Amino acid sequence: KLHTNGDITQAVYATRMLGMKDENFNPIVFRERSDMSDP
């Protein structure tokens, strides 16, 4: 979860480093919304 000013591109790259070749790895990278819970 990225805070409003977070750079989503860097975070997406970080998830690739964590296991993008593993098809059971389900990365979710998103910008936080103050009006909603994470789910």
All heavy atoms as atom14 arrays in JSON, in Angstrom:
{
  "sequence": "KLHTNGDITQAVYATRMLGMKDENFNPIVFRERSDMSDP",
  "atom14_mask": [
    [1, 1, 1, 1, 1, 1, 1, 1, 1, 0, 0, 0, 0, 0],
    [1, 1, 1, 1, 1, 1, 1, 1, 0, 0, 0, 0, 0, 0],
    [1, 1, 1, 1, 1, 1, 1, 1, 1, 1, 0, 0, 0, 0],
    [1, 1, 1, 1, 1, 1, 1, 0, 0, 0, 0, 0, 0, 0],
    [1, 1, 1, 1, 1, 1, 1, 1, 0, 0, 0, 0, 0, 0],
    [1, 1, 1, 1, 0, 0, 0, 0, 0, 0, 0, 0, 0, 0],
    [1, 1, 1, 1, 1, 1, 1, 1, 0, 0, 0, 0, 0, 0],
    [1, 1, 1, 1, 1, 1, 1, 1, 0, 0, 0, 0, 0, 0],
    [1, 1, 1, 1, 1, 1, 1, 0, 0, 0, 0, 0, 0, 0],
    [1, 1, 1, 1, 1, 1, 1, 1, 1, 0, 0, 0, 0, 0],
    [1, 1, 1, 1, 1, 0, 0, 0, 0, 0, 0, 0, 0, 0],
    [1, 1, 1, 1, 1, 1, 1, 0, 0, 0, 0, 0, 0, 0],
    [1, 1, 1, 1, 1, 1, 1, 1, 1, 1, 1, 1, 0, 0],
    [1, 1, 1, 1, 1, 0, 0, 0, 0, 0, 0, 0, 0, 0],
    [1, 1, 1, 1, 1, 1, 1, 0, 0, 0, 0, 0, 0, 0],
    [1, 1, 1, 1, 1, 1, 1, 1, 1, 1, 1, 0, 0, 0],
    [1, 1, 1, 1, 1, 1, 1, 1, 0, 0, 0, 0, 0, 0],
    [1, 1, 1, 1, 1, 1, 1, 1, 0, 0, 0, 0, 0, 0],
    [1, 1, 1, 1, 0, 0, 0, 0, 0, 0, 0, 0, 0, 0],
    [1, 1, 1, 1, 1, 1, 1, 1, 0, 0, 0, 0, 0, 0],
    [1, 1, 1, 1, 1, 1, 1, 1, 1, 0, 0, 0, 0, 0],
    [1, 1, 1, 1, 1, 1, 1, 1, 0, 0, 0, 0, 0, 0],
    [1, 1, 1, 1, 1, 1, 1, 1, 1, 0, 0, 0, 0, 0],
    [1, 1, 1, 1, 1, 1, 1, 1, 0, 0, 0, 0, 0, 0],
    [1, 1, 1, 1, 1, 1, 1, 1, 1, 1, 1, 0, 0, 0],
    [1, 1, 1, 1, 1, 1, 1, 1, 0, 0, 0, 0, 0, 0],
    [1, 1, 1, 1, 1, 1, 1, 0, 0, 0, 0, 0, 0, 0],
    [1, 1, 1, 1, 1, 1, 1, 1, 0, 0, 0, 0, 0, 0],
    [1, 1, 1, 1, 1, 1, 1, 0, 0, 0, 0, 0, 0, 0],
    [1, 1, 1, 1, 1, 1, 1, 1, 1, 1, 1, 0, 0, 0],
    [1, 1, 1, 1, 1, 1, 1, 1, 1, 1, 1, 0, 0, 0],
    [1, 1, 1, 1, 1, 1, 1, 1, 1, 0, 0, 0, 0, 0],
    [1, 1, 1, 1, 1, 1, 1, 1, 1, 1, 1, 0, 0, 0],
    [1, 1, 1, 1, 1, 1, 0, 0, 0, 0, 0, 0, 0, 0],
    [1, 1, 1, 1, 1, 1, 1, 1, 0, 0, 0, 0, 0, 0],
    [1, 1, 1, 1, 1, 1, 1, 1, 0, 0, 0, 0, 0, 0],
    [1, 1, 1, 1, 1, 1, 0, 0, 0, 0, 0, 0, 0, 0],
    [1, 1, 1, 1, 1, 1, 1, 1, 0, 0, 0, 0, 0, 0],
    [1, 1, 1, 1, 1, 1, 1, 0, 0, 0, 0, 0, 0, 0]
  ],
  "atom14_positions": [
    [[0.87, -1.19, 0.0], [0.0, 0.0, 0.0], [0.9, 1.23, 0.0], [1.79, 1.36, 0.83], [-0.89, 0.0, 1.23], [-1.72, 1.26, 1.36], [-2.67, 1.22, 2.54], [-1.93, 1.13, 3.84], [-2.8, 1.25, 5.01], [0.0, 0.0, 0.0], [0.0, 0.0, 0.0], [0.0, 0.0, 0.0], [0.0, 0.0, 0.0], [0.0, 0.0, 0.0]],
    [[0.66, 2.11, -0.95], [1.45, 3.32, -1.05], [0.67, 4.51, -0.52], [-0.52, 4.64, -0.78], [1.82, 3.59, -2.51], [2.61, 2.48, -3.19], [2.82, 2.83, -4.64], [3.94, 2.28, -2.5], [0.0, 0.0, 0.0], [0.0, 0.0, 0.0], [0.0, 0.0, 0.0], [0.0, 0.0, 0.0], [0.0, 0.0, 0.0], [0.0, 0.0, 0.0]],
    [[1.35, 5.36, 0.2], [0.71, 6.6, 0.63], [0.56, 7.48, -0.59], [1.19, 7.28, -1.62], [1.53, 7.25, 1.74], [1.62, 6.37, 2.95], [0.55, 6.17, 3.8], [2.6, 5.6, 3.42], [0.89, 5.33, 4.74], [2.14, 4.96, 4.53], [0.0, 0.0, 0.0], [0.0, 0.0, 0.0], [0.0, 0.0, 0.0], [0.0, 0.0, 0.0]],
    [[-0.27, 8.45, -0.52], [-0.67, 9.25, -1.68], [0.5, 9.7, -2.55], [0.43, 9.68, -3.76], [-1.48, 10.47, -1.23], [-2.57, 10.0, -0.44], [-2.03, 11.23, -2.41], [0.0, 0.0, 0.0], [0.0, 0.0, 0.0], [0.0, 0.0, 0.0], [0.0, 0.0, 0.0], [0.0, 0.0, 0.0], [0.0, 0.0, 0.0], [0.0, 0.0, 0.0]],
    [[1.61, 10.06, -1.94], [2.74, 10.55, -2.73], [3.7, 9.45, -3.15], [4.73, 9.72, -3.74], [3.51, 11.62, -1.93], [2.66, 12.84, -1.68], [1.8, 13.18, -2.49], [2.87, 13.48, -0.55], [0.0, 0.0, 0.0], [0.0, 0.0, 0.0], [0.0, 0.0, 0.0], [0.0, 0.0, 0.0], [0.0, 0.0, 0.0], [0.0, 0.0, 0.0]],
    [[3.38, 8.2, -2.87], [4.27, 7.1, -3.21], [4.4, 6.91, -4.71], [3.48, 7.2, -5.46], [0.0, 0.0, 0.0], [0.0, 0.0, 0.0], [0.0, 0.0, 0.0], [0.0, 0.0, 0.0], [0.0, 0.0, 0.0], [0.0, 0.0, 0.0], [0.0, 0.0, 0.0], [0.0, 0.0, 0.0], [0.0, 0.0, 0.0], [0.0, 0.0, 0.0]],
    [[5.56, 6.44, -5.15], [5.8, 6.18, -6.57], [5.45, 4.73, -6.86], [6.18, 3.83, -6.48], [7.26, 6.47, -6.92], [7.55, 6.26, -8.4], [6.67, 5.76, -9.13], [8.67, 6.6, -8.82], [0.0, 0.0, 0.0], [0.0, 0.0, 0.0], [0.0, 0.0, 0.0], [0.0, 0.0, 0.0], [0.0, 0.0, 0.0], [0.0, 0.0, 0.0]],
    [[4.33, 4.5, -7.5], [3.85, 3.15, -7.73], [4.79, 2.36, -8.65], [4.92, 1.16, -8.52], [2.4, 3.16, -8.25], [1.8, 1.76, -8.1], [2.3, 3.65, -9.67], [0.32, 1.72, -8.23], [0.0, 0.0, 0.0], [0.0, 0.0, 0.0], [0.0, 0.0, 0.0], [0.0, 0.0, 0.0], [0.0, 0.0, 0.0], [0.0, 0.0, 0.0]],
    [[5.47, 3.03, -9.56], [6.38, 2.35, -10.49], [7.49, 1.64, -9.73], [7.82, 0.49, -10.02], [6.97, 3.35, -11.49], [5.89, 4.04, -12.12], [7.79, 2.66, -12.55], [0.0, 0.0, 0.0], [0.0, 0.0, 0.0], [0.0, 0.0, 0.0], [0.0, 0.0, 0.0], [0.0, 0.0, 0.0], [0.0, 0.0, 0.0], [0.0, 0.0, 0.0]],
    [[8.08, 2.3, -8.76], [9.14, 1.68, -7.96], [8.62, 0.5, -7.16], [9.29, -0.51, -7.02], [9.79, 2.71, -7.05], [10.61, 3.73, -7.8], [11.2, 4.78, -6.87], [10.89, 4.83, -5.7], [12.06, 5.61, -7.42], [0.0, 0.0, 0.0], [0.0, 0.0, 0.0], [0.0, 0.0, 0.0], [0.0, 0.0, 0.0], [0.0, 0.0, 0.0]],
    [[7.42, 0.64, -6.63], [6.84, -0.45, -5.84], [6.53, -1.66, -6.73], [6.73, -2.79, -6.31], [5.58, 0.02, -5.13], [0.0, 0.0, 0.0], [0.0, 0.0, 0.0], [0.0, 0.0, 0.0], [0.0, 0.0, 0.0], [0.0, 0.0, 0.0], [0.0, 0.0, 0.0], [0.0, 0.0, 0.0], [0.0, 0.0, 0.0], [0.0, 0.0, 0.0]],
    [[6.05, -1.42, -7.94], [5.79, -2.53, -8.87], [7.1, -3.24, -9.18], [7.17, -4.47, -9.2], [5.09, -2.03, -10.15], [5.07, -3.11, -11.22], [3.68, -1.57, -9.84], [0.0, 0.0, 0.0], [0.0, 0.0, 0.0], [0.0, 0.0, 0.0], [0.0, 0.0, 0.0], [0.0, 0.0, 0.0], [0.0, 0.0, 0.0], [0.0, 0.0, 0.0]],
    [[8.16, -2.48, -9.39], [9.47, -3.09, -9.64], [9.9, -3.94, -8.44], [10.42, -5.04, -8.61], [10.51, -2.0, -9.92], [11.89, -2.57, -10.13], [12.21, -3.23, -11.32], [12.86, -2.47, -9.15], [13.46, -3.79, -11.51], [14.12, -3.02, -9.34], [14.42, -3.67, -10.51], [15.66, -4.22, -10.68], [0.0, 0.0, 0.0], [0.0, 0.0, 0.0]],
    [[9.66, -3.45, -7.23], [10.02, -4.2, -6.03], [9.3, -5.54, -5.98], [9.88, -6.55, -5.6], [9.72, -3.38, -4.78], [0.0, 0.0, 0.0], [0.0, 0.0, 0.0], [0.0, 0.0, 0.0], [0.0, 0.0, 0.0], [0.0, 0.0, 0.0], [0.0, 0.0, 0.0], [0.0, 0.0, 0.0], [0.0, 0.0, 0.0], [0.0, 0.0, 0.0]],
    [[8.04, -5.58, -6.4], [7.33, -6.86, -6.38], [7.91, -7.83, -7.39], [7.93, -9.03, -7.17], [5.81, -6.69, -6.65], [5.63, -6.15, -7.96], [5.14, -5.84, -5.62], [0.0, 0.0, 0.0], [0.0, 0.0, 0.0], [0.0, 0.0, 0.0], [0.0, 0.0, 0.0], [0.0, 0.0, 0.0], [0.0, 0.0, 0.0], [0.0, 0.0, 0.0]],
    [[8.41, -7.32, -8.5], [9.06, -8.21, -9.49], [10.27, -8.88, -8.87], [10.56, -10.03, -9.13], [9.46, -7.41, -10.72], [8.3, -7.05, -11.58], [8.77, -6.52, -12.93], [7.61, -6.22, -13.72], [7.35, -5.05, -14.24], [8.18, -4.05, -14.08], [6.27, -4.87, -14.95], [0.0, 0.0, 0.0], [0.0, 0.0, 0.0], [0.0, 0.0, 0.0]],
    [[10.97, -8.14, -8.04], [12.16, -8.69, -7.4], [11.77, -9.77, -6.39], [12.56, -10.64, -6.07], [12.93, -7.58, -6.67], [13.4, -6.45, -7.58], [14.52, -7.0, -8.87], [15.96, -7.36, -7.89], [0.0, 0.0, 0.0], [0.0, 0.0, 0.0], [0.0, 0.0, 0.0], [0.0, 0.0, 0.0], [0.0, 0.0, 0.0], [0.0, 0.0, 0.0]],
    [[10.55, -9.71, -5.88], [10.12, -10.63, -4.83], [9.55, -11.95, -5.36], [9.22, -12.82, -4.57], [9.07, -9.96, -3.95], [9.57, -8.79, -3.12], [8.39, -8.06, -2.48], [10.52, -9.27, -2.06], [0.0, 0.0, 0.0], [0.0, 0.0, 0.0], [0.0, 0.0, 0.0], [0.0, 0.0, 0.0], [0.0, 0.0, 0.0], [0.0, 0.0, 0.0]],
    [[9.39, -12.1, -6.64], [8.91, -13.4, -7.1], [7.93, -13.37, -8.24], [7.0, -14.17, -8.26], [0.0, 0.0, 0.0], [0.0, 0.0, 0.0], [0.0, 0.0, 0.0], [0.0, 0.0, 0.0], [0.0, 0.0, 0.0], [0.0, 0.0, 0.0], [0.0, 0.0, 0.0], [0.0, 0.0, 0.0], [0.0, 0.0, 0.0], [0.0, 0.0, 0.0]],
    [[8.09, -12.49, -9.2], [7.15, -12.43, -10.31], [7.18, -13.69, -11.17], [6.24, -13.96, -11.89], [7.42, -11.2, -11.18], [7.01, -9.9, -10.52], [5.26, -9.79, -10.2], [4.66, -9.33, -11.81], [0.0, 0.0, 0.0], [0.0, 0.0, 0.0], [0.0, 0.0, 0.0], [0.0, 0.0, 0.0], [0.0, 0.0, 0.0], [0.0, 0.0, 0.0]],
    [[8.24, -14.47, -11.09], [8.29, -15.69, -11.89], [7.43, -16.8, -11.27], [7.07, -17.74, -11.93], [9.73, -16.16, -12.04], [10.53, -15.2, -12.9], [11.93, -15.69, -13.15], [12.63, -14.62, -13.95], [13.65, -15.1, -14.79], [0.0, 0.0, 0.0], [0.0, 0.0, 0.0], [0.0, 0.0, 0.0], [0.0, 0.0, 0.0], [0.0, 0.0, 0.0]],
    [[7.11, -16.66, -10.0], [6.27, -17.62, -9.31], [4.81, -17.28, -9.6], [4.31, -16.25, -9.15], [6.55, -17.56, -7.81], [5.66, -18.51, -7.0], [4.86, -19.25, -7.6], [5.79, -18.5, -5.77], [0.0, 0.0, 0.0], [0.0, 0.0, 0.0], [0.0, 0.0, 0.0], [0.0, 0.0, 0.0], [0.0, 0.0, 0.0], [0.0, 0.0, 0.0]],
    [[4.12, -18.13, -10.33], [2.74, -17.84, -10.72], [1.77, -17.92, -9.57], [0.61, -17.56, -9.7], [2.33, -18.74, -11.88], [3.1, -18.38, -13.13], [2.8, -19.29, -14.3], [1.97, -20.2, -14.16], [3.41, -19.08, -15.35], [0.0, 0.0, 0.0], [0.0, 0.0, 0.0], [0.0, 0.0, 0.0], [0.0, 0.0, 0.0], [0.0, 0.0, 0.0]],
    [[2.21, -18.41, -8.41], [1.35, -18.41, -7.23], [1.54, -17.14, -6.41], [0.89, -16.96, -5.39], [1.64, -19.64, -6.36], [1.2, -20.9, -7.06], [0.11, -20.97, -7.6], [2.06, -21.89, -7.06], [0.0, 0.0, 0.0], [0.0, 0.0, 0.0], [0.0, 0.0, 0.0], [0.0, 0.0, 0.0], [0.0, 0.0, 0.0], [0.0, 0.0, 0.0]],
    [[2.43, -16.28, -6.85], [2.69, -15.0, -6.19], [1.73, -13.99, -6.79], [1.73, -13.76, -7.99], [4.16, -14.61, -6.44], [4.56, -13.34, -5.76], [4.62, -13.24, -4.38], [4.92, -12.23, -6.51], [5.02, -12.08, -3.76], [5.32, -11.05, -5.9], [5.36, -10.98, -4.52], [0.0, 0.0, 0.0], [0.0, 0.0, 0.0], [0.0, 0.0, 0.0]],
    [[0.88, -13.41, -5.96], [-0.17, -12.51, -6.42], [0.06, -11.1, -5.89], [-0.57, -10.69, -4.92], [-1.54, -13.02, -5.95], [-1.89, -14.37, -6.52], [-2.02, -14.49, -7.73], [-2.01, -15.36, -5.68], [0.0, 0.0, 0.0], [0.0, 0.0, 0.0], [0.0, 0.0, 0.0], [0.0, 0.0, 0.0], [0.0, 0.0, 0.0], [0.0, 0.0, 0.0]],
    [[0.96, -10.35, -6.52], [1.25, -9.01, -5.99], [0.12, -8.01, -6.25], [-0.48, -8.0, -7.31], [2.51, -8.6, -6.74], [2.45, -9.36, -8.02], [1.77, -10.66, -7.69], [0.0, 0.0, 0.0], [0.0, 0.0, 0.0], [0.0, 0.0, 0.0], [0.0, 0.0, 0.0], [0.0, 0.0, 0.0], [0.0, 0.0, 0.0], [0.0, 0.0, 0.0]],
    [[-0.14, -7.21, -5.25], [-1.12, -6.12, -5.34], [-0.4, -4.86, -4.86], [0.04, -4.79, -3.72], [-2.35, -6.38, -4.46], [-3.12, -7.6, -4.99], [-3.25, -5.15, -4.41], [-4.32, -7.98, -4.14], [0.0, 0.0, 0.0], [0.0, 0.0, 0.0], [0.0, 0.0, 0.0], [0.0, 0.0, 0.0], [0.0, 0.0, 0.0], [0.0, 0.0, 0.0]],
    [[-0.24, -3.91, -5.74], [0.38, -2.63, -5.41], [-0.67, -1.56, -5.67], [-1.21, -1.48, -6.77], [1.64, -2.38, -6.28], [2.28, -1.06, -5.91], [2.62, -3.52, -6.13], [0.0, 0.0, 0.0], [0.0, 0.0, 0.0], [0.0, 0.0, 0.0], [0.0, 0.0, 0.0], [0.0, 0.0, 0.0], [0.0, 0.0, 0.0], [0.0, 0.0, 0.0]],
    [[-0.98, -0.76, -4.66], [-2.02, 0.23, -4.85], [-1.76, 1.49, -4.04], [-1.1, 1.45, -3.02], [-3.4, -0.35, -4.53], [-3.61, -0.69, -3.08], [-4.31, 0.17, -2.24], [-3.13, -1.89, -2.56], [-4.51, -0.15, -0.91], [-3.34, -2.21, -1.24], [-4.03, -1.34, -0.41], [0.0, 0.0, 0.0], [0.0, 0.0, 0.0], [0.0, 0.0, 0.0]],
    [[-2.31, 2.56, -4.52], [-2.23, 3.84, -3.84], [-3.33, 3.9, -2.78], [-4.48, 3.58, -3.04], [-2.41, 4.98, -4.86], [-2.04, 6.34, -4.32], [-2.12, 7.4, -5.42], [-1.39, 7.08, -6.63], [-0.07, 7.27, -6.82], [0.65, 7.78, -5.87], [0.5, 6.97, -7.97], [0.0, 0.0, 0.0], [0.0, 0.0, 0.0], [0.0, 0.0, 0.0]],
    [[-2.94, 4.29, -1.58], [-3.88, 4.38, -0.47], [-4.98, 5.39, -0.78], [-4.75, 6.4, -1.42], [-3.11, 4.84, 0.78], [-3.95, 4.95, 2.01], [-3.11, 5.4, 3.19], [-2.32, 6.36, 3.05], [-3.26, 4.8, 4.27], [0.0, 0.0, 0.0], [0.0, 0.0, 0.0], [0.0, 0.0, 0.0], [0.0, 0.0, 0.0], [0.0, 0.0, 0.0]],
    [[-6.17, 5.07, -0.31], [-7.32, 5.98, -0.45], [-7.79, 6.34, 0.95], [-8.08, 5.46, 1.75], [-8.44, 5.32, -1.23], [-8.08, 5.09, -2.7], [-9.27, 4.59, -3.47], [-10.42, 5.47, -3.32], [-10.77, 6.4, -4.21], [-10.06, 6.57, -5.31], [-11.84, 7.15, -4.02], [0.0, 0.0, 0.0], [0.0, 0.0, 0.0], [0.0, 0.0, 0.0]],
    [[-7.87, 7.61, 1.23], [-8.29, 8.04, 2.57], [-9.77, 7.78, 2.82], [-10.21, 7.71, 3.97], [-7.99, 9.53, 2.77], [-8.71, 10.3, 1.82], [0.0, 0.0, 0.0], [0.0, 0.0, 0.0], [0.0, 0.0, 0.0], [0.0, 0.0, 0.0], [0.0, 0.0, 0.0], [0.0, 0.0, 0.0], [0.0, 0.0, 0.0], [0.0, 0.0, 0.0]],
    [[-10.55, 7.59, 1.76], [-11.98, 7.39, 1.91], [-12.4, 5.92, 1.93], [-13.59, 5.62, 1.96], [-12.73, 8.12, 0.79], [-12.31, 7.65, -0.6], [-11.2, 7.09, -0.75], [-13.09, 7.84, -1.55], [0.0, 0.0, 0.0], [0.0, 0.0, 0.0], [0.0, 0.0, 0.0], [0.0, 0.0, 0.0], [0.0, 0.0, 0.0], [0.0, 0.0, 0.0]],
    [[-11.42, 4.99, 1.91], [-11.75, 3.57, 1.87], [-10.76, 2.77, 2.71], [-9.6, 3.14, 2.83], [-11.64, 3.03, 0.43], [-12.59, 3.59, -0.54], [-12.32, 2.84, -2.17], [-13.39, 3.88, -3.14], [0.0, 0.0, 0.0], [0.0, 0.0, 0.0], [0.0, 0.0, 0.0], [0.0, 0.0, 0.0], [0.0, 0.0, 0.0], [0.0, 0.0, 0.0]],
    [[-11.24, 1.65, 3.22], [-10.34, 0.69, 3.87], [-9.51, 0.01, 2.77], [-9.84, 0.11, 1.58], [-11.14, -0.35, 4.64], [-11.88, -1.15, 3.74], [0.0, 0.0, 0.0], [0.0, 0.0, 0.0], [0.0, 0.0, 0.0], [0.0, 0.0, 0.0], [0.0, 0.0, 0.0], [0.0, 0.0, 0.0], [0.0, 0.0, 0.0], [0.0, 0.0, 0.0]],
    [[-8.47, -0.7, 3.16], [-7.64, -1.39, 2.16], [-8.44, -2.41, 1.33], [-8.32, -2.41, 0.11], [-6.45, -2.07, 2.83], [-5.46, -1.08, 3.39], [-5.59, 0.13, 3.13], [-4.53, -1.51, 4.11], [0.0, 0.0, 0.0], [0.0, 0.0, 0.0], [0.0, 0.0, 0.0], [0.0, 0.0, 0.0], [0.0, 0.0, 0.0], [0.0, 0.0, 0.0]],
    [[-9.25, -3.28, 1.96], [-10.03, -4.21, 1.13], [-10.96, -3.49, 0.15], [-11.08, -3.89, -1.0], [-10.83, -5.03, 2.15], [-10.0, -4.98, 3.38], [-9.39, -3.6, 3.39], [0.0, 0.0, 0.0], [0.0, 0.0, 0.0], [0.0, 0.0, 0.0], [0.0, 0.0, 0.0], [0.0, 0.0, 0.0], [0.0, 0.0, 0.0], [0.0, 0.0, 0.0]]
  ]
}
